[in-house]
C-alpha cells in the first residue's frame, strides 16, 4: 500500500495544479453520484457528504457517518477510500514540495526581497568579519526592528538563516540582483567586498540607483575613498585605522579598550546617535551635555549637521548651538530613541 501511494504521489507531483484539482473534484462528484445510485440517502446532503468525504479520504473515519447499504460499503471500500487517499496524498505532497522548494530557494539565495522596506543590506561576505558585523547589529538591543539581508557571490547556502535573509548572484554589480535586495527601500547599506575595486564598483552602482538608504563602505586604501568621495560625497567611508589605534595606545595606554567599547554594542556603554526633532527650538551643547547625563546617564560627544558626519563637531564649546535637524552623537549603556527624550525641557 505504501509503495503504491508513493508511486501515485510521485506521478501526481508531475501533474499541474489544475489537473490535480480537477481530479479531486471529479472523484468527489463521481463518488457522490455512486452513493446516490446506491441510495445512501443519509450521506447525500451537501454538508453531510462533504464531511463524510473528507473524514473518509483522510482516513480519520470518526464513524458517526457511514454507508448503510451493501453496495454503498463496497463503493466506499474500493472506490471512495483508495481514490480519495491517493488524490489527498498527491495534493499534500505537492504542497509540501512547493514549500520545500520555496525554503530551498531562499536558503540558496534565489529569493526576491524587492518588496522589503526599512531593512539593512550587507554587500559582501567574509567568514569572520561578516559574522562579527551581524553580532554587532543584533547587539544593539534597542535598535529599530530592521531585517538584515546579506548579499554575496560565494557558492553557499544562507550562513545565518535564523538571523539574516540571503541573496546570492554571480556579480554584486548586476542591476537584477541589486533590485532583488530591495535596496531602493532599504534604510542602511553596508558595502564590504573582498577588494577595494569591488567595493568601489558596488558603491557606484548603488549611487546610480539614487537610493535614500544611508550607504557605508569599507576600503583598505585611502586613495579609493578620495576617488569615491569625489563622485559620491553622500557615502560614508571607513578605512583601516589600526595604525592610529596603535600609536594612540602607545602614547595613552589603555586607549584600545576605550576605542573597542565605543564601537562595540556587545560590551558596556557604547556610541550611538539621535536626530534632533524638526520642531525643536534649540539649546546649547553645554545644556544638552548636562541634560543627557542627569536624565539618561549618557554623555554627549558631538554634533553634526548631516547624517554622514562629515561636518561633525566633536566636543564643541558649551555655548555652541544645537538646533533642529542635527545629529547628536552620545555614549550610553543603550540606545536612546528620539521619542524618549523630553526635548521641551531643553
Protein backbone atom coordinates (compact mmCIF):
# COMPACT_ATOMS: atom_id res chain seq x y z
CA UNK A 1 0.00 0.00 0.00
CA UNK A 2 2.80 2.40 0.93
CA UNK A 3 4.68 1.59 -2.26
CA UNK A 4 1.55 2.20 -4.31
CA UNK A 5 0.92 5.54 -2.56
CA UNK A 6 4.50 6.65 -3.16
CA UNK A 7 4.19 5.74 -6.83
CA UNK A 8 0.96 7.67 -7.33
CA UNK A 9 2.26 10.59 -5.26
CA UNK A 10 5.43 10.84 -7.37
CA UNK A 11 3.34 10.73 -10.54
CA UNK A 12 0.87 13.34 -9.28
CA UNK A 13 3.75 15.68 -8.36
CA UNK A 14 4.45 15.95 -12.07
CA UNK A 15 0.85 16.94 -12.78
CA UNK A 16 -0.20 20.59 -12.87
CA UNK A 17 -2.31 22.07 -10.09
CA UNK A 18 -5.25 22.48 -12.46
CA UNK A 19 -5.20 18.81 -13.44
CA UNK A 20 -4.77 17.73 -9.82
CA UNK A 21 -7.68 19.83 -8.57
CA UNK A 22 -9.78 18.63 -11.48
CA UNK A 23 -9.06 15.03 -10.46
CA UNK A 24 -10.09 15.87 -6.90
CA UNK A 25 -13.43 17.41 -7.92
CA UNK A 26 -14.17 14.58 -10.38
CA UNK A 27 -13.54 11.98 -7.70
CA UNK A 28 -15.64 13.99 -5.25
CA UNK A 29 -18.60 14.24 -7.65
CA UNK A 30 -18.38 10.70 -9.06
CA UNK A 31 -18.24 9.29 -5.50
CA UNK A 32 -21.37 11.26 -4.59
CA UNK A 33 -23.12 10.06 -7.76
CA UNK A 34 -22.27 6.42 -6.98
CA UNK A 35 -23.57 6.83 -3.43
CA UNK A 36 -26.74 8.30 -4.90
CA UNK A 37 -27.10 5.21 -7.10
CA UNK A 38 -26.57 3.08 -4.00
CA UNK A 39 -29.43 5.01 -2.33
CA UNK A 40 -27.28 6.26 0.58
CA UNK A 41 -29.79 8.97 1.48
CA UNK A 42 -28.15 9.90 4.81
CA UNK A 43 -24.93 10.94 3.01
CA UNK A 44 -26.29 12.90 0.07
CA UNK A 45 -26.90 16.38 1.52
CA UNK A 46 -24.09 18.83 0.76
CA UNK A 47 -22.86 19.29 4.34
CA UNK A 48 -23.13 15.59 5.22
CA UNK A 49 -21.39 14.45 2.06
CA UNK A 50 -18.53 16.93 2.35
CA UNK A 51 -17.94 15.92 5.95
CA UNK A 52 -18.14 12.19 5.15
CA UNK A 53 -15.87 12.55 2.11
CA UNK A 54 -13.17 14.44 3.99
CA UNK A 55 -13.12 12.13 7.04
CA UNK A 56 -13.07 9.08 4.81
CA UNK A 57 -10.40 10.15 2.31
CA UNK A 58 -8.11 11.42 5.08
CA UNK A 59 -8.60 8.05 6.89
CA UNK A 60 -9.81 9.82 10.05
CA UNK A 61 -13.11 7.94 9.97
CA UNK A 62 -14.97 9.19 13.05
CA UNK A 63 -17.71 6.60 12.47
CA UNK A 64 -20.65 8.93 13.04
CA UNK A 65 -21.47 8.70 9.31
CA UNK A 66 -21.11 5.52 7.24
CA UNK A 67 -22.78 3.75 4.29
CA UNK A 68 -25.88 1.83 5.25
CA UNK A 69 -26.25 -0.38 2.17
CA UNK A 70 -24.04 -3.24 0.98
CA UNK A 71 -23.39 -1.51 -2.35
CA UNK A 72 -22.50 1.72 -0.54
CA UNK A 73 -19.95 -0.09 1.64
CA UNK A 74 -18.40 -1.74 -1.42
CA UNK A 75 -18.13 1.60 -3.23
CA UNK A 76 -16.60 3.24 -0.15
CA UNK A 77 -14.07 0.42 0.26
CA UNK A 78 -12.99 0.01 -3.36
CA UNK A 79 -13.50 3.46 -4.93
CA UNK A 80 -14.02 6.26 -2.45
CA UNK A 81 -11.31 5.40 0.08
CA UNK A 82 -8.41 4.35 -2.20
CA UNK A 83 -9.06 7.04 -4.80
CA UNK A 84 -9.53 9.75 -2.20
CA UNK A 85 -6.38 8.75 -0.29
CA UNK A 86 -4.28 8.89 -3.46
CA UNK A 87 -5.64 12.29 -4.50
CA UNK A 88 -5.33 13.75 -0.97
CA UNK A 89 -1.78 12.40 -0.64
CA UNK A 90 -0.88 13.89 -4.02
CA UNK A 91 -2.25 17.32 -3.05
CA UNK A 92 -0.44 17.30 0.31
CA UNK A 93 2.72 16.05 -1.36
CA UNK A 94 2.60 18.77 -3.97
CA UNK A 95 2.02 21.41 -1.26
CA UNK A 96 4.95 20.07 0.76
CA UNK A 97 7.14 20.04 -2.33
CA UNK A 98 6.17 23.65 -3.06
CA UNK A 99 7.03 24.89 0.43
CA UNK A 100 10.30 22.95 0.48
CA UNK A 101 11.21 24.45 -2.91
CA UNK A 102 10.47 27.96 -1.63
CA UNK A 103 12.55 27.32 1.50
CA UNK A 104 15.47 25.90 -0.50
CA UNK A 105 15.24 28.81 -2.93
CA UNK A 106 15.64 31.29 -0.09
CA UNK A 107 18.41 29.26 1.56
CA UNK A 108 20.32 29.21 -1.74
CA UNK A 109 19.92 32.95 -2.20
CA UNK A 110 17.47 32.83 -5.11
CA UNK A 111 14.68 34.68 -3.32
CA UNK A 112 13.28 38.09 -4.22
CA UNK A 113 13.10 40.76 -1.49
CA UNK A 114 12.35 43.73 -3.73
CA UNK A 115 9.24 44.49 -1.62
CA UNK A 116 11.16 44.63 1.65
CA UNK A 117 11.30 48.02 3.38
CA UNK A 118 13.39 49.76 6.05
CA UNK A 119 15.95 46.94 6.17
CA UNK A 120 19.75 46.66 6.27
CA UNK A 121 21.58 45.28 3.22
CA UNK A 122 25.13 43.91 3.53
CA UNK A 123 27.04 43.55 0.24
CA UNK A 124 29.97 41.15 0.56
CA UNK A 125 30.87 38.06 2.56
CA UNK A 126 33.80 37.38 4.90
CA UNK A 127 33.69 34.25 7.04
CA UNK A 128 34.92 36.07 10.15
CA UNK A 129 34.10 39.76 9.65
CA UNK A 130 30.52 39.26 8.45
CA UNK A 131 29.67 37.14 11.48
CA UNK A 132 31.05 39.83 13.77
CA UNK A 133 29.16 42.51 11.86
CA UNK A 134 25.85 40.70 12.35
CA UNK A 135 26.59 40.14 16.04
CA UNK A 136 27.20 43.87 16.48
CA UNK A 137 23.97 44.76 14.67
CA UNK A 138 21.90 42.49 16.89
CA UNK A 139 23.91 43.50 19.96
CA UNK A 140 22.07 46.84 19.86
CA UNK A 141 19.04 45.69 21.87
CA UNK A 142 17.07 48.90 21.30
CA UNK A 143 17.77 49.26 17.60
CA UNK A 144 14.92 49.68 15.16
CA UNK A 145 13.47 46.32 14.24
CA UNK A 146 15.05 46.10 10.79
CA UNK A 147 15.58 42.87 8.89
CA UNK A 148 19.14 42.16 7.75
CA UNK A 149 19.77 40.98 4.18
CA UNK A 150 23.16 39.50 3.19
CA UNK A 151 24.13 39.65 -0.49
CA UNK A 152 27.13 37.57 -1.64
CA UNK A 153 28.70 35.84 -4.65
CA UNK A 154 30.18 32.80 -2.86
CA UNK A 155 28.82 29.30 -3.52
CA UNK A 156 26.99 28.66 -0.25
CA UNK A 157 23.64 28.49 1.49
CA UNK A 158 22.48 31.13 3.95
CA UNK A 159 25.15 31.02 6.69
CA UNK A 160 22.85 32.53 9.35
CA UNK A 161 19.27 31.52 8.43
CA UNK A 162 17.98 32.28 11.92
CA UNK A 163 19.15 35.90 11.74
CA UNK A 164 19.50 37.15 8.17
CA UNK A 165 17.88 36.90 4.76
CA UNK A 166 20.17 35.85 1.92
CA UNK A 167 20.67 36.61 -1.77
CA UNK A 168 23.37 35.18 -3.98
CA UNK A 169 24.47 36.13 -7.50
CA UNK A 170 27.37 35.93 -9.90
CA UNK A 171 28.10 39.65 -9.57
CA UNK A 172 27.01 42.12 -6.90
CA UNK A 173 27.01 44.85 -9.54
CA UNK A 174 24.18 43.29 -11.56
CA UNK A 175 21.10 45.51 -11.68
CA UNK A 176 18.75 42.50 -11.45
CA UNK A 177 20.45 41.17 -8.33
CA UNK A 178 20.56 44.59 -6.64
CA UNK A 179 16.85 45.08 -7.37
CA UNK A 180 16.12 41.76 -5.63
CA UNK A 181 17.66 43.19 -2.44
CA UNK A 182 15.04 45.96 -2.31
CA UNK A 183 17.83 48.48 -1.82
CA UNK A 184 15.57 51.29 -3.07
CA UNK A 185 13.51 50.90 0.11
CA UNK A 186 16.37 50.00 2.45
CA UNK A 187 17.33 52.12 5.46
CA UNK A 188 21.03 51.18 5.64
CA UNK A 189 23.54 49.64 3.24
CA UNK A 190 26.95 48.24 4.20
CA UNK A 191 29.46 47.54 1.42
CA UNK A 192 32.41 45.36 2.47
CA UNK A 193 33.80 43.47 -0.52
CA UNK A 194 36.98 41.41 -0.90
CA UNK A 195 38.86 44.16 -2.74
CA UNK A 196 38.69 47.94 -2.93
CA UNK A 197 37.91 47.74 -6.66
CA UNK A 198 34.85 45.57 -5.96
CA UNK A 199 33.72 47.89 -3.17
CA UNK A 200 34.10 50.94 -5.41
CA UNK A 201 32.16 49.31 -8.25
CA UNK A 202 29.30 48.32 -5.94
CA UNK A 203 29.15 51.79 -4.38
CA UNK A 204 28.98 53.47 -7.80
CA UNK A 205 26.22 51.08 -8.88
CA UNK A 206 24.23 51.84 -5.74
CA UNK A 207 24.75 55.59 -6.12
CA UNK A 208 23.37 55.40 -9.67
CA UNK A 209 20.14 53.96 -8.27
CA UNK A 210 19.69 57.11 -6.15
CA UNK A 211 18.52 55.11 -3.15
CA UNK A 212 17.62 57.02 0.01
CA UNK A 213 19.42 54.46 2.16
CA UNK A 214 22.48 55.58 4.11
CA UNK A 215 25.45 53.79 2.49
CA UNK A 216 28.59 52.88 4.43
CA UNK A 217 31.65 51.37 2.71
CA UNK A 218 34.98 49.98 3.90
CA UNK A 219 38.25 50.47 1.97
CA UNK A 220 41.82 49.34 2.53
CA UNK A 221 43.25 52.26 0.56
CA UNK A 222 42.50 55.89 1.46
CA UNK A 223 43.02 56.91 -2.17
CA UNK A 224 39.97 54.88 -3.14
CA UNK A 225 37.96 56.77 -0.53
CA UNK A 226 39.05 60.08 -2.06
CA UNK A 227 38.05 58.82 -5.50
CA UNK A 228 34.62 57.67 -4.34
CA UNK A 229 34.00 60.86 -2.37
CA UNK A 230 34.66 62.94 -5.48
CA UNK A 231 31.72 61.21 -7.18
CA UNK A 232 29.51 60.23 -4.22
CA UNK A 233 30.06 62.53 -1.24
CA UNK A 234 26.94 61.18 0.49
CA UNK A 235 28.53 57.74 1.01
CA UNK A 236 30.20 57.33 4.39
CA UNK A 237 33.59 55.62 4.07
CA UNK A 238 35.86 53.81 6.50
CA UNK A 239 39.46 52.65 6.17
CA UNK A 240 41.98 50.66 8.17
CA UNK A 241 42.75 52.75 11.27
CA UNK A 242 44.82 50.15 13.13
CA UNK A 243 47.96 52.30 12.87
CA UNK A 244 46.22 55.23 14.52
CA UNK A 245 44.98 52.98 17.32
CA UNK A 246 48.46 51.51 17.77
CA UNK A 247 50.11 54.91 18.15
CA UNK A 248 47.33 56.18 20.43
CA UNK A 249 47.74 53.18 22.74
CA UNK A 250 51.48 53.75 22.88
CA UNK A 251 51.01 57.40 23.86
CA UNK A 252 48.00 56.84 26.13
CA UNK A 253 47.97 53.25 27.45
CA UNK A 254 44.50 51.69 27.54
CA UNK A 255 43.20 53.65 24.55
CA UNK A 256 42.47 50.44 22.66
CA UNK A 257 40.00 49.47 25.36
CA UNK A 258 38.19 52.81 25.03
CA UNK A 259 38.01 52.52 21.24
CA UNK A 260 36.72 48.96 21.43
CA UNK A 261 33.98 49.88 23.87
CA UNK A 262 32.94 52.93 21.87
CA UNK A 263 32.42 50.75 18.79
CA UNK A 264 31.03 47.51 20.22
CA UNK A 265 27.38 47.01 21.15
CA UNK A 266 28.33 43.81 22.98
CA UNK A 267 30.48 45.28 25.78
CA UNK A 268 29.42 48.07 28.14
CA UNK A 269 28.39 51.63 27.15
CA UNK A 270 28.96 52.46 23.51
CA UNK A 271 28.43 55.26 21.00
CA UNK A 272 25.04 55.95 19.40
CA UNK A 273 23.37 58.84 17.60
CA UNK A 274 19.96 60.51 17.68
CA UNK A 275 18.42 63.06 15.35
CA UNK A 276 17.09 66.28 16.88
CA UNK A 277 13.37 66.70 16.01
CA UNK A 278 12.38 69.28 13.42
CA UNK A 279 10.20 71.26 15.85
CA UNK A 280 12.98 71.72 18.43
CA UNK A 281 13.59 75.37 19.40
CA UNK A 282 17.29 74.94 20.08
CA UNK A 283 19.66 74.80 23.06
CA UNK A 284 23.38 74.88 23.83
CA UNK A 285 25.75 71.94 23.82
CA UNK A 286 26.57 72.57 27.49
CA UNK A 287 22.89 72.33 28.44
CA UNK A 288 22.49 69.18 26.30
CA UNK A 289 25.54 67.61 27.94
CA UNK A 290 24.13 68.27 31.41
CA UNK A 291 20.60 67.14 30.49
CA UNK A 292 21.65 63.81 28.96
CA UNK A 293 23.85 62.97 31.94
CA UNK A 294 21.22 63.82 34.57
CA UNK A 295 18.23 62.29 32.81
CA UNK A 296 19.66 59.40 30.77
CA UNK A 297 23.14 58.66 32.20
CA UNK A 298 24.53 59.47 28.74
CA UNK A 299 27.42 61.66 27.62
CA UNK A 300 27.06 63.93 24.58
CA UNK A 301 30.13 63.61 22.35
CA UNK A 302 29.43 65.91 19.44
CA UNK A 303 27.01 67.32 16.89
CA UNK A 304 26.79 67.11 13.09
CA UNK A 305 24.54 68.82 10.56
CA UNK A 306 24.41 65.84 8.17
CA UNK A 307 23.88 62.09 8.56
CA UNK A 308 27.30 61.31 7.06
CA UNK A 309 29.02 63.18 9.87
CA UNK A 310 31.40 64.99 7.52
CA UNK A 311 30.73 68.22 9.43
CA UNK A 312 31.00 66.64 12.88
CA UNK A 313 31.97 68.95 15.73
CA UNK A 314 33.36 66.73 18.46
CA UNK A 315 33.16 68.20 21.97
CA UNK A 316 32.17 71.71 20.80
CA UNK A 317 32.19 74.62 23.22
CA UNK A 318 29.49 74.79 25.88
CA UNK A 319 27.85 77.72 24.11
CA UNK A 320 27.70 76.00 20.69
CA UNK A 321 24.15 75.85 19.38
CA UNK A 322 22.26 72.59 18.97
CA UNK A 323 19.37 73.08 16.53
CA UNK A 324 16.56 71.14 14.86
CA UNK A 325 17.53 68.50 12.33
CA UNK A 326 21.07 67.99 13.62
CA UNK A 327 22.51 64.63 14.66
CA UNK A 328 23.75 64.27 18.24
CA UNK A 329 26.36 61.61 18.98
CA UNK A 330 26.47 60.29 22.53
CA UNK A 331 27.77 57.45 24.67
CA UNK A 332 25.28 55.41 26.66
CA UNK A 333 24.63 51.94 28.05
CA UNK A 334 21.85 51.53 25.49
CA UNK A 335 20.30 53.40 22.58
CA UNK A 336 18.07 56.37 23.41
CA UNK A 337 15.36 56.97 20.82
CA UNK A 338 14.28 60.48 19.92
CA UNK A 339 10.84 59.98 21.47
CA UNK A 340 12.40 59.01 24.81
CA UNK A 341 13.96 62.45 25.24
CA UNK A 342 11.78 65.26 26.58
CA UNK A 343 13.13 67.93 24.25
CA UNK A 344 10.77 70.54 25.72
CA UNK A 345 12.85 70.54 28.93
CA UNK A 346 15.85 71.66 26.92
